[in-house]
C-alpha atoms as a PDB file:
ATOM      1  CA  UNK A   1     -15.710   5.278 -13.179  1.00  0.00           C
ATOM      2  CA  UNK A   2     -17.693   5.215  -9.956  1.00  0.00           C
ATOM      3  CA  UNK A   3     -18.154   8.993 -10.118  1.00  0.00           C
ATOM      4  CA  UNK A   4     -19.525   8.654 -13.664  1.00  0.00           C
ATOM      5  CA  UNK A   5     -21.846   5.851 -12.482  1.00  0.00           C
ATOM      6  CA  UNK A   6     -20.226   3.481 -14.979  1.00  0.00           C
ATOM      7  CA  UNK A   7     -19.622   0.900 -12.275  1.00  0.00           C
ATOM      8  CA  UNK A   8     -21.012   0.276  -8.818  1.00  0.00           C
ATOM      9  CA  UNK A   9     -18.765  -0.875  -6.018  1.00  0.00           C
ATOM     10  CA  UNK A  10     -20.071  -3.640  -3.753  1.00  0.00           C
ATOM     11  CA  UNK A  11     -17.957  -3.457  -0.638  1.00  0.00           C
ATOM     12  CA  UNK A  12     -18.310  -5.816   2.335  1.00  0.00           C
ATOM     13  CA  UNK A  13     -17.817  -4.068   5.678  1.00  0.00           C
ATOM     14  CA  UNK A  14     -15.005  -6.484   6.518  1.00  0.00           C
ATOM     15  CA  UNK A  15     -12.904  -5.059   3.675  1.00  0.00           C
ATOM     16  CA  UNK A  16     -13.182  -1.587   5.167  1.00  0.00           C
ATOM     17  CA  UNK A  17     -12.439  -2.920   8.662  1.00  0.00           C
ATOM     18  CA  UNK A  18      -9.413  -4.938   7.534  1.00  0.00           C
ATOM     19  CA  UNK A  19      -8.066  -2.079   5.431  1.00  0.00           C
ATOM     20  CA  UNK A  20      -8.287   0.236   8.441  1.00  0.00           C
ATOM     21  CA  UNK A  21      -6.690  -2.375  10.707  1.00  0.00           C
ATOM     22  CA  UNK A  22      -3.757  -3.045   8.342  1.00  0.00           C
ATOM     23  CA  UNK A  23      -3.384   0.416   6.809  1.00  0.00           C
ATOM     24  CA  UNK A  24      -0.338   1.611   8.749  1.00  0.00           C
ATOM     25  CA  UNK A  25       1.507  -1.700   8.393  1.00  0.00           C
ATOM     26  CA  UNK A  26       0.885  -1.843   4.647  1.00  0.00           C
ATOM     27  CA  UNK A  27       1.955   1.772   4.197  1.00  0.00           C
ATOM     28  CA  UNK A  28       5.197   1.132   6.095  1.00  0.00           C
ATOM     29  CA  UNK A  29       5.877  -2.008   4.052  1.00  0.00           C
ATOM     30  CA  UNK A  30       5.237  -0.120   0.817  1.00  0.00           C
ATOM     31  CA  UNK A  31       7.654   2.632   1.820  1.00  0.00           C
ATOM     32  CA  UNK A  32      10.265   0.029   2.739  1.00  0.00           C
ATOM     33  CA  UNK A  33       9.729  -1.684  -0.615  1.00  0.00           C
ATOM     34  CA  UNK A  34      10.256   1.583  -2.482  1.00  0.00           C
ATOM     35  CA  UNK A  35      13.375   2.282  -0.433  1.00  0.00           C
ATOM     36  CA  UNK A  36      14.725  -1.205  -1.140  1.00  0.00           C
ATOM     37  CA  UNK A  37      14.075  -0.730  -4.847  1.00  0.00           C
ATOM     38  CA  UNK A  38      15.959   2.580  -4.865  1.00  0.00           C
ATOM     39  CA  UNK A  39      18.878   0.949  -3.083  1.00  0.00           C
ATOM     40  CA  UNK A  40      19.147  -1.678  -5.846  1.00  0.00           C
ATOM     41  CA  UNK A  41      18.915   0.994  -8.534  1.00  0.00           C
ATOM     42  CA  UNK A  42      21.669   3.020  -6.849  1.00  0.00           C
ATOM     43  CA  UNK A  43      23.885  -0.069  -6.668  1.00  0.00           C
ATOM     44  CA  UNK A  44      23.345  -0.719 -10.384  1.00  0.00           C
ATOM     45  CA  UNK A  45      24.190   2.882 -11.254  1.00  0.00           C
ATOM     46  CA  UNK A  46      27.391   2.749  -9.214  1.00  0.00           C
ATOM     47  CA  UNK A  47      28.372  -0.490 -10.904  1.00  0.00           C
ATOM     48  CA  UNK A  48      27.315   0.119 -14.515  1.00  0.00           C
ATOM     49  CA  UNK A  49      26.662   3.799 -15.237  1.00  0.00           C
ATOM     50  CA  UNK A  50      29.354   5.876 -16.936  1.00  0.00           C
ATOM     51  CA  UNK A  51      31.233   8.089 -14.525  1.00  0.00           C
ATOM     52  CA  UNK A  52      30.021  11.251 -16.217  1.00  0.00           C
ATOM     53  CA  UNK A  53      26.686  12.195 -14.681  1.00  0.00           C
ATOM     54  CA  UNK A  54      26.744   9.378 -12.137  1.00  0.00           C
ATOM     55  CA  UNK A  55      26.937  11.619  -9.081  1.00  0.00           C
ATOM     56  CA  UNK A  56      24.075  13.823 -10.267  1.00  0.00           C
ATOM     57  CA  UNK A  57      21.905  10.763 -10.896  1.00  0.00           C
ATOM     58  CA  UNK A  58      22.715   9.302  -7.483  1.00  0.00           C
ATOM     59  CA  UNK A  59      21.960  12.636  -5.826  1.00  0.00           C
ATOM     60  CA  UNK A  60      18.536  12.768  -7.489  1.00  0.00           C
ATOM     61  CA  UNK A  61      17.768   9.177  -6.489  1.00  0.00           C
ATOM     62  CA  UNK A  62      18.761   9.922  -2.899  1.00  0.00           C
ATOM     63  CA  UNK A  63      16.457  12.947  -2.830  1.00  0.00           C
ATOM     64  CA  UNK A  64      13.533  10.921  -4.199  1.00  0.00           C
ATOM     65  CA  UNK A  65      14.211   8.078  -1.774  1.00  0.00           C
ATOM     66  CA  UNK A  66      14.306  10.560   1.116  1.00  0.00           C
ATOM     67  CA  UNK A  67      10.970  12.091   0.045  1.00  0.00           C
ATOM     68  CA  UNK A  68       9.387   8.636  -0.118  1.00  0.00           C
ATOM     69  CA  UNK A  69      10.779   7.623   3.267  1.00  0.00           C
ATOM     70  CA  UNK A  70       9.728  10.821   5.019  1.00  0.00           C
ATOM     71  CA  UNK A  71       6.528  11.710   3.221  1.00  0.00           C
ATOM     72  CA  UNK A  72       5.602   8.607   1.341  1.00  0.00           C
ATOM     73  CA  UNK A  73       3.759  10.749  -1.185  1.00  0.00           C
ATOM     74  CA  UNK A  74       3.046   7.909  -3.628  1.00  0.00           C
ATOM     75  CA  UNK A  75       1.920   5.578  -0.852  1.00  0.00           C
ATOM     76  CA  UNK A  76      -0.185   8.280   0.796  1.00  0.00           C
ATOM     77  CA  UNK A  77      -1.807   9.123  -2.540  1.00  0.00           C
ATOM     78  CA  UNK A  78      -2.689   5.480  -3.231  1.00  0.00           C
ATOM     79  CA  UNK A  79      -4.185   5.022   0.239  1.00  0.00           C
ATOM     80  CA  UNK A  80      -6.107   8.270  -0.158  1.00  0.00           C
ATOM     81  CA  UNK A  81      -7.592   7.065  -3.438  1.00  0.00           C
ATOM     82  CA  UNK A  82      -8.652   3.774  -1.860  1.00  0.00           C
ATOM     83  CA  UNK A  83     -10.251   5.536   1.084  1.00  0.00           C
ATOM     84  CA  UNK A  84     -12.051   7.931  -1.272  1.00  0.00           C
ATOM     85  CA  UNK A  85     -13.349   4.966  -3.254  1.00  0.00           C
ATOM     86  CA  UNK A  86     -14.652   3.426  -0.025  1.00  0.00           C
ATOM     87  CA  UNK A  87     -16.830   6.508   0.520  1.00  0.00           C
ATOM     88  CA  UNK A  88     -18.641   6.036  -2.793  1.00  0.00           C
ATOM     89  CA  UNK A  89     -20.723   3.109  -1.592  1.00  0.00           C
ATOM     90  CA  UNK A  90     -22.680   1.850   1.364  1.00  0.00           C
ATOM     91  CA  UNK A  91     -20.811  -1.093   2.952  1.00  0.00           C
ATOM     92  CA  UNK A  92     -22.531  -4.473   2.919  1.00  0.00           C
ATOM     93  CA  UNK A  93     -22.856  -5.811   6.470  1.00  0.00           C
ATOM     94  CA  UNK A  94     -21.443  -9.232   7.277  1.00  0.00           C
ATOM     95  CA  UNK A  95     -23.788 -11.965   8.430  1.00  0.00           C
ATOM     96  CA  UNK A  96     -23.323 -13.667  11.796  1.00  0.00           C
ATOM     97  CA  UNK A  97     -22.403 -16.961  10.113  1.00  0.00           C
ATOM     98  CA  UNK A  98     -19.602 -15.263   8.160  1.00  0.00           C
ATOM     99  CA  UNK A  99     -18.380 -13.629  11.383  1.00  0.00           C
ATOM    100  CA  UNK A 100     -18.232 -17.042  13.063  1.00  0.00           C
ATOM    101  CA  UNK A 101     -16.408 -18.582  10.093  1.00  0.00           C
ATOM    102  CA  UNK A 102     -13.858 -15.771  10.075  1.00  0.00           C
ATOM    103  CA  UNK A 103     -13.395 -16.111  13.818  1.00  0.00           C
ATOM    104  CA  UNK A 104     -12.682 -19.837  13.456  1.00  0.00           C
ATOM    105  CA  UNK A 105     -10.214 -19.207  10.611  1.00  0.00           C
ATOM    106  CA  UNK A 106      -8.423 -16.534  12.625  1.00  0.00           C
ATOM    107  CA  UNK A 107      -8.222 -18.777  15.685  1.00  0.00           C
ATOM    108  CA  UNK A 108      -7.000 -21.679  13.533  1.00  0.00           C
ATOM    109  CA  UNK A 109      -4.310 -19.606  11.799  1.00  0.00           C
ATOM    110  CA  UNK A 110      -3.143 -18.152  15.130  1.00  0.00           C
ATOM    111  CA  UNK A 111      -2.796 -21.585  16.691  1.00  0.00           C
ATOM    112  CA  UNK A 112      -0.827 -23.008  13.741  1.00  0.00           C
ATOM    113  CA  UNK A 113       1.836 -20.266  13.785  1.00  0.00           C
END
């Protein structure tokens, strides 16, 4: 939609900065979430699936889970799309007053944990 000029993205610089700062952590959490989901699916198949075809299904799930854990193709693709979208607009700079407010919030949240 942005490429067709149907919508315009207004993107504060802080969004880009925070995305970059948290990118690796979010990607790792997403991979772990996928892996956890596959583990639950495998457990359900072992418990409820008919014996015929069970091993083949489990083998396929294990292969997919391994590809996600090692390559994280789906996660990498999603992050790539977000980063591409970020390049379609000029970031909006953050005012000094917003920077101060964010600094106070960060300091406050760090002291309460």
